[in-house]
Structure formats: C-alpha cells, structure tokens
Amino acid sequence: MALATALGRRSRRTTDHAKTSREADSLAVASFVLGLLGLLVMNILLGPAAIVMASMALARSTARRGRALLGLALGVADLVVLAVLVTVNGTVSWSFGG
C-alpha cells in the first residue's frame, strides 16, 4: 500500500510539472504573438501584456526560452515605438499621409 501511495504521489508530481511546463510554453508563445502584433496595432496594450507574459514564462522555466525572450524584446520594442510616435506626432496612432 505504501508503494502504491508513493507511486501515486510521483505520478501526480510528474503530471503537475508537465502541466506547469505546458502552461509556461503557452505563455512564451502568447508573449511572442502579442509582441509581434503590438508592433502593428494597439502597442499601448499589447506591449505590456507581452512583457508580463514573457516574464511569467521565464519565471516558470519554460522550454521555449528563446520564444519568451523574443516576446520580451518585442514587448519592449512596442513601448519604444509608442514613445517615438508620441514624441514625433504627438499621437499614439500611425499616419502615413503628408
């Protein structure tokens, strides 16, 4: 009976670790996608969201560390683009006209 209990605990820990790892990987991918989209639209919202998600993925030791770092970099780039737009145009929107 003790052996079955020990095996059950080990199985549960493995399942919990796999679930946490999968969630961290999903956060890394989501941060990358949001950071990429933030360069085009809604950078004021998507940039910080990408930064937070990438930080959470890195804190949870994601297997997709490179994707999380790219999401973090793109989130920061979103905020830089926002700062440039506000400085140059005085607005938070893109304008390609004259």
N, C-alpha and C. Protein backbone atom coordinates (compact mmCIF):
# COMPACT_ATOMS: atom_id res chain seq x y z
N MET A 1 0.82 -1.19 0.00
CA MET A 1 0.00 0.00 0.00
C MET A 1 0.87 1.26 0.00
N ALA A 2 1.96 1.23 0.75
CA ALA A 2 2.84 2.38 0.79
C ALA A 2 3.48 2.62 -0.57
N LEU A 3 3.79 1.54 -1.26
CA LEU A 3 4.38 1.65 -2.59
C LEU A 3 3.40 2.30 -3.56
N ALA A 4 2.14 1.90 -3.49
CA ALA A 4 1.12 2.48 -4.38
C ALA A 4 0.93 3.96 -4.08
N THR A 5 0.99 4.33 -2.81
CA THR A 5 0.86 5.75 -2.43
C THR A 5 2.04 6.55 -2.95
N ALA A 6 3.25 6.00 -2.80
CA ALA A 6 4.45 6.69 -3.29
C ALA A 6 4.41 6.84 -4.80
N LEU A 7 3.98 5.79 -5.51
CA LEU A 7 3.88 5.88 -6.97
C LEU A 7 2.81 6.89 -7.37
N GLY A 8 1.72 6.94 -6.64
CA GLY A 8 0.67 7.91 -6.92
C GLY A 8 1.16 9.34 -6.75
N ARG A 9 1.94 9.58 -5.70
CA ARG A 9 2.50 10.93 -5.48
C ARG A 9 3.46 11.31 -6.59
N ARG A 10 4.31 10.37 -6.98
CA ARG A 10 5.28 10.65 -8.03
C ARG A 10 4.56 10.93 -9.34
N SER A 11 3.53 10.16 -9.63
CA SER A 11 2.75 10.37 -10.85
C SER A 11 2.08 11.74 -10.83
N ARG A 12 1.54 12.13 -9.68
CA ARG A 12 0.88 13.42 -9.57
C ARG A 12 1.88 14.56 -9.76
N ARG A 13 3.09 14.41 -9.17
CA ARG A 13 4.10 15.46 -9.34
C ARG A 13 4.52 15.57 -10.79
N THR A 14 4.67 14.46 -11.47
CA THR A 14 5.04 14.48 -12.88
C THR A 14 3.95 15.15 -13.70
N THR A 15 2.70 14.85 -13.39
CA THR A 15 1.58 15.45 -14.11
C THR A 15 1.52 16.95 -13.85
N ASP A 16 1.71 17.36 -12.58
CA ASP A 16 1.70 18.78 -12.25
C ASP A 16 2.83 19.52 -12.94
N HIS A 17 4.02 18.90 -12.98
CA HIS A 17 5.16 19.53 -13.64
C HIS A 17 4.91 19.66 -15.14
N ALA A 18 4.34 18.63 -15.75
CA ALA A 18 4.05 18.69 -17.19
C ALA A 18 3.02 19.77 -17.47
N LYS A 19 2.02 19.90 -16.60
CA LYS A 19 1.00 20.93 -16.79
C LYS A 19 1.61 22.32 -16.65
N THR A 20 2.45 22.53 -15.64
CA THR A 20 3.10 23.82 -15.44
C THR A 20 4.02 24.15 -16.61
N SER A 21 4.75 23.15 -17.10
CA SER A 21 5.64 23.36 -18.23
C SER A 21 4.86 23.72 -19.49
N ARG A 22 3.75 23.04 -19.69
CA ARG A 22 2.90 23.32 -20.86
C ARG A 22 2.32 24.73 -20.77
N GLU A 23 1.90 25.14 -19.57
CA GLU A 23 1.37 26.50 -19.39
C GLU A 23 2.46 27.54 -19.64
N ALA A 24 3.68 27.27 -19.17
CA ALA A 24 4.79 28.19 -19.38
C ALA A 24 5.11 28.30 -20.87
N ASP A 25 5.08 27.18 -21.57
CA ASP A 25 5.33 27.21 -23.02
C ASP A 25 4.25 28.01 -23.74
N SER A 26 3.00 27.85 -23.31
CA SER A 26 1.91 28.61 -23.91
C SER A 26 2.07 30.10 -23.65
N LEU A 27 2.52 30.45 -22.46
CA LEU A 27 2.76 31.87 -22.15
C LEU A 27 3.87 32.43 -23.03
N ALA A 28 4.91 31.64 -23.28
CA ALA A 28 6.02 32.10 -24.12
C ALA A 28 5.54 32.37 -25.54
N VAL A 29 4.75 31.45 -26.08
CA VAL A 29 4.24 31.63 -27.44
C VAL A 29 3.28 32.82 -27.50
N ALA A 30 2.42 32.95 -26.50
CA ALA A 30 1.47 34.06 -26.47
C ALA A 30 2.19 35.40 -26.37
N SER A 31 3.26 35.46 -25.58
CA SER A 31 4.01 36.72 -25.47
C SER A 31 4.65 37.09 -26.80
N PHE A 32 5.15 36.09 -27.52
CA PHE A 32 5.75 36.35 -28.83
C PHE A 32 4.71 36.89 -29.81
N VAL A 33 3.55 36.25 -29.84
CA VAL A 33 2.49 36.66 -30.77
C VAL A 33 1.98 38.06 -30.42
N LEU A 34 1.74 38.31 -29.13
CA LEU A 34 1.25 39.64 -28.73
C LEU A 34 2.29 40.73 -29.00
N GLY A 35 3.56 40.41 -28.76
CA GLY A 35 4.61 41.39 -29.05
C GLY A 35 4.70 41.70 -30.53
N LEU A 36 4.55 40.69 -31.36
CA LEU A 36 4.58 40.88 -32.81
C LEU A 36 3.38 41.69 -33.28
N LEU A 37 2.21 41.36 -32.80
CA LEU A 37 1.01 42.11 -33.17
C LEU A 37 1.07 43.55 -32.64
N GLY A 38 1.68 43.71 -31.48
CA GLY A 38 1.78 45.04 -30.89
C GLY A 38 2.59 46.01 -31.72
N LEU A 39 3.48 45.51 -32.55
CA LEU A 39 4.23 46.40 -33.43
C LEU A 39 3.33 47.04 -34.48
N LEU A 40 2.22 46.37 -34.77
CA LEU A 40 1.32 46.86 -35.81
C LEU A 40 0.11 47.61 -35.25
N VAL A 41 -0.51 47.05 -34.22
CA VAL A 41 -1.73 47.64 -33.67
C VAL A 41 -1.72 47.57 -32.14
N MET A 42 -2.34 48.53 -31.52
CA MET A 42 -2.57 48.55 -30.08
C MET A 42 -1.32 48.29 -29.24
N ASN A 43 -0.22 48.94 -29.61
CA ASN A 43 1.02 48.70 -28.88
C ASN A 43 0.96 49.17 -27.43
N ILE A 44 0.04 50.07 -27.12
CA ILE A 44 -0.09 50.55 -25.75
C ILE A 44 -0.62 49.45 -24.82
N LEU A 45 -1.37 48.49 -25.35
CA LEU A 45 -1.90 47.38 -24.56
C LEU A 45 -1.11 46.09 -24.75
N LEU A 46 -0.76 45.79 -25.98
CA LEU A 46 -0.13 44.52 -26.28
C LEU A 46 1.33 44.46 -25.85
N GLY A 47 2.02 45.58 -25.85
CA GLY A 47 3.42 45.60 -25.41
C GLY A 47 3.58 45.20 -23.96
N PRO A 48 2.89 45.87 -23.03
CA PRO A 48 3.00 45.46 -21.63
C PRO A 48 2.49 44.03 -21.39
N ALA A 49 1.44 43.62 -22.10
CA ALA A 49 0.94 42.25 -21.94
C ALA A 49 2.01 41.24 -22.37
N ALA A 50 2.72 41.52 -23.46
CA ALA A 50 3.79 40.62 -23.92
C ALA A 50 4.91 40.56 -22.90
N ILE A 51 5.25 41.69 -22.30
CA ILE A 51 6.32 41.73 -21.30
C ILE A 51 5.94 40.90 -20.08
N VAL A 52 4.71 41.06 -19.60
CA VAL A 52 4.26 40.32 -18.42
C VAL A 52 4.23 38.82 -18.71
N MET A 53 3.67 38.43 -19.86
CA MET A 53 3.59 37.01 -20.19
C MET A 53 4.97 36.38 -20.37
N ALA A 54 5.88 37.11 -20.99
CA ALA A 54 7.24 36.58 -21.16
C ALA A 54 7.93 36.43 -19.82
N SER A 55 7.74 37.38 -18.93
CA SER A 55 8.35 37.29 -17.60
C SER A 55 7.80 36.10 -16.82
N MET A 56 6.50 35.88 -16.93
CA MET A 56 5.89 34.74 -16.25
C MET A 56 6.40 33.42 -16.83
N ALA A 57 6.55 33.35 -18.14
CA ALA A 57 7.05 32.13 -18.78
C ALA A 57 8.49 31.85 -18.36
N LEU A 58 9.31 32.89 -18.30
CA LEU A 58 10.70 32.71 -17.89
C LEU A 58 10.79 32.33 -16.42
N ALA A 59 9.92 32.89 -15.59
CA ALA A 59 9.92 32.54 -14.17
C ALA A 59 9.49 31.10 -13.94
N ARG A 60 8.65 30.57 -14.82
CA ARG A 60 8.19 29.18 -14.70
C ARG A 60 9.08 28.20 -15.46
N SER A 61 10.23 28.65 -15.89
CA SER A 61 11.23 27.81 -16.58
C SER A 61 10.65 27.12 -17.81
N THR A 62 10.24 27.91 -18.76
CA THR A 62 9.69 27.38 -20.00
C THR A 62 10.76 26.67 -20.83
N ALA A 63 10.33 25.70 -21.58
CA ALA A 63 11.24 25.03 -22.51
C ALA A 63 11.47 25.89 -23.75
N ARG A 64 10.59 26.84 -23.98
CA ARG A 64 10.70 27.75 -25.12
C ARG A 64 11.28 29.10 -24.67
N ARG A 65 12.46 29.02 -24.09
CA ARG A 65 13.11 30.22 -23.54
C ARG A 65 13.37 31.27 -24.62
N GLY A 66 13.79 30.85 -25.78
CA GLY A 66 14.07 31.78 -26.87
C GLY A 66 12.82 32.52 -27.32
N ARG A 67 11.71 31.81 -27.38
CA ARG A 67 10.44 32.43 -27.76
C ARG A 67 10.01 33.44 -26.71
N ALA A 68 10.21 33.11 -25.43
CA ALA A 68 9.86 34.03 -24.35
C ALA A 68 10.74 35.28 -24.40
N LEU A 69 12.02 35.10 -24.68
CA LEU A 69 12.92 36.25 -24.77
C LEU A 69 12.57 37.13 -25.97
N LEU A 70 12.17 36.51 -27.08
CA LEU A 70 11.72 37.30 -28.23
C LEU A 70 10.44 38.07 -27.90
N GLY A 71 9.53 37.43 -27.18
CA GLY A 71 8.31 38.11 -26.74
C GLY A 71 8.62 39.29 -25.84
N LEU A 72 9.59 39.11 -24.96
CA LEU A 72 10.01 40.20 -24.08
C LEU A 72 10.62 41.35 -24.88
N ALA A 73 11.49 41.02 -25.82
CA ALA A 73 12.12 42.05 -26.66
C ALA A 73 11.09 42.77 -27.52
N LEU A 74 10.14 42.03 -28.07
CA LEU A 74 9.10 42.66 -28.90
C LEU A 74 8.18 43.53 -28.06
N GLY A 75 7.89 43.12 -26.84
CA GLY A 75 7.09 43.95 -25.94
C GLY A 75 7.77 45.26 -25.63
N VAL A 76 9.07 45.21 -25.39
CA VAL A 76 9.84 46.44 -25.15
C VAL A 76 9.87 47.28 -26.42
N ALA A 77 10.03 46.63 -27.57
CA ALA A 77 10.02 47.36 -28.85
C ALA A 77 8.67 48.04 -29.08
N ASP A 78 7.59 47.40 -28.66
CA ASP A 78 6.26 48.03 -28.77
C ASP A 78 6.23 49.34 -28.00
N LEU A 79 6.78 49.33 -26.80
CA LEU A 79 6.78 50.54 -25.98
C LEU A 79 7.70 51.61 -26.55
N VAL A 80 8.79 51.19 -27.17
CA VAL A 80 9.70 52.16 -27.82
C VAL A 80 9.00 52.80 -29.01
N VAL A 81 8.31 51.99 -29.81
CA VAL A 81 7.55 52.52 -30.95
C VAL A 81 6.49 53.50 -30.46
N LEU A 82 5.82 53.17 -29.38
CA LEU A 82 4.82 54.05 -28.80
C LEU A 82 5.46 55.38 -28.37
N ALA A 83 6.61 55.31 -27.72
CA ALA A 83 7.29 56.53 -27.28
C ALA A 83 7.71 57.39 -28.47
N VAL A 84 8.18 56.76 -29.53
CA VAL A 84 8.58 57.51 -30.73
C VAL A 84 7.36 58.16 -31.37
N LEU A 85 6.27 57.43 -31.47
CA LEU A 85 5.05 58.00 -32.06
C LEU A 85 4.55 59.19 -31.26
N VAL A 86 4.56 59.07 -29.96
CA VAL A 86 4.08 60.18 -29.12
C VAL A 86 5.02 61.37 -29.26
N THR A 87 6.31 61.13 -29.32
CA THR A 87 7.28 62.22 -29.42
C THR A 87 7.21 62.92 -30.77
N VAL A 88 7.15 62.16 -31.84
CA VAL A 88 7.19 62.73 -33.18
C VAL A 88 5.86 63.35 -33.58
N ASN A 89 4.77 62.59 -33.42
CA ASN A 89 3.47 63.03 -33.90
C ASN A 89 2.59 63.65 -32.83
N GLY A 90 2.90 63.41 -31.59
CA GLY A 90 2.02 63.86 -30.53
C GLY A 90 0.77 63.03 -30.44
N THR A 91 0.77 61.84 -31.03
CA THR A 91 -0.39 60.94 -31.02
C THR A 91 0.07 59.51 -30.86
N VAL A 92 -0.85 58.63 -30.55
CA VAL A 92 -0.50 57.22 -30.40
C VAL A 92 -0.98 56.39 -31.59
N SER A 93 -1.14 57.03 -32.74
CA SER A 93 -1.61 56.31 -33.93
C SER A 93 -0.61 56.49 -35.07
N TRP A 94 -0.66 55.55 -36.00
CA TRP A 94 0.18 55.61 -37.19
C TRP A 94 -0.45 56.56 -38.18
N SER A 95 0.38 57.28 -38.91
CA SER A 95 -0.14 58.10 -40.01
C SER A 95 0.90 58.13 -41.12
N PHE A 96 0.50 57.65 -42.30
CA PHE A 96 1.43 57.60 -43.43
C PHE A 96 1.21 58.75 -44.41
N GLY A 97 0.21 59.56 -44.18
CA GLY A 97 -0.07 60.69 -45.08
C GLY A 97 0.88 61.84 -44.84
N GLY A 98 0.76 62.88 -45.62
CA GLY A 98 1.64 64.05 -45.51
C GLY A 98 1.22 64.95 -44.49
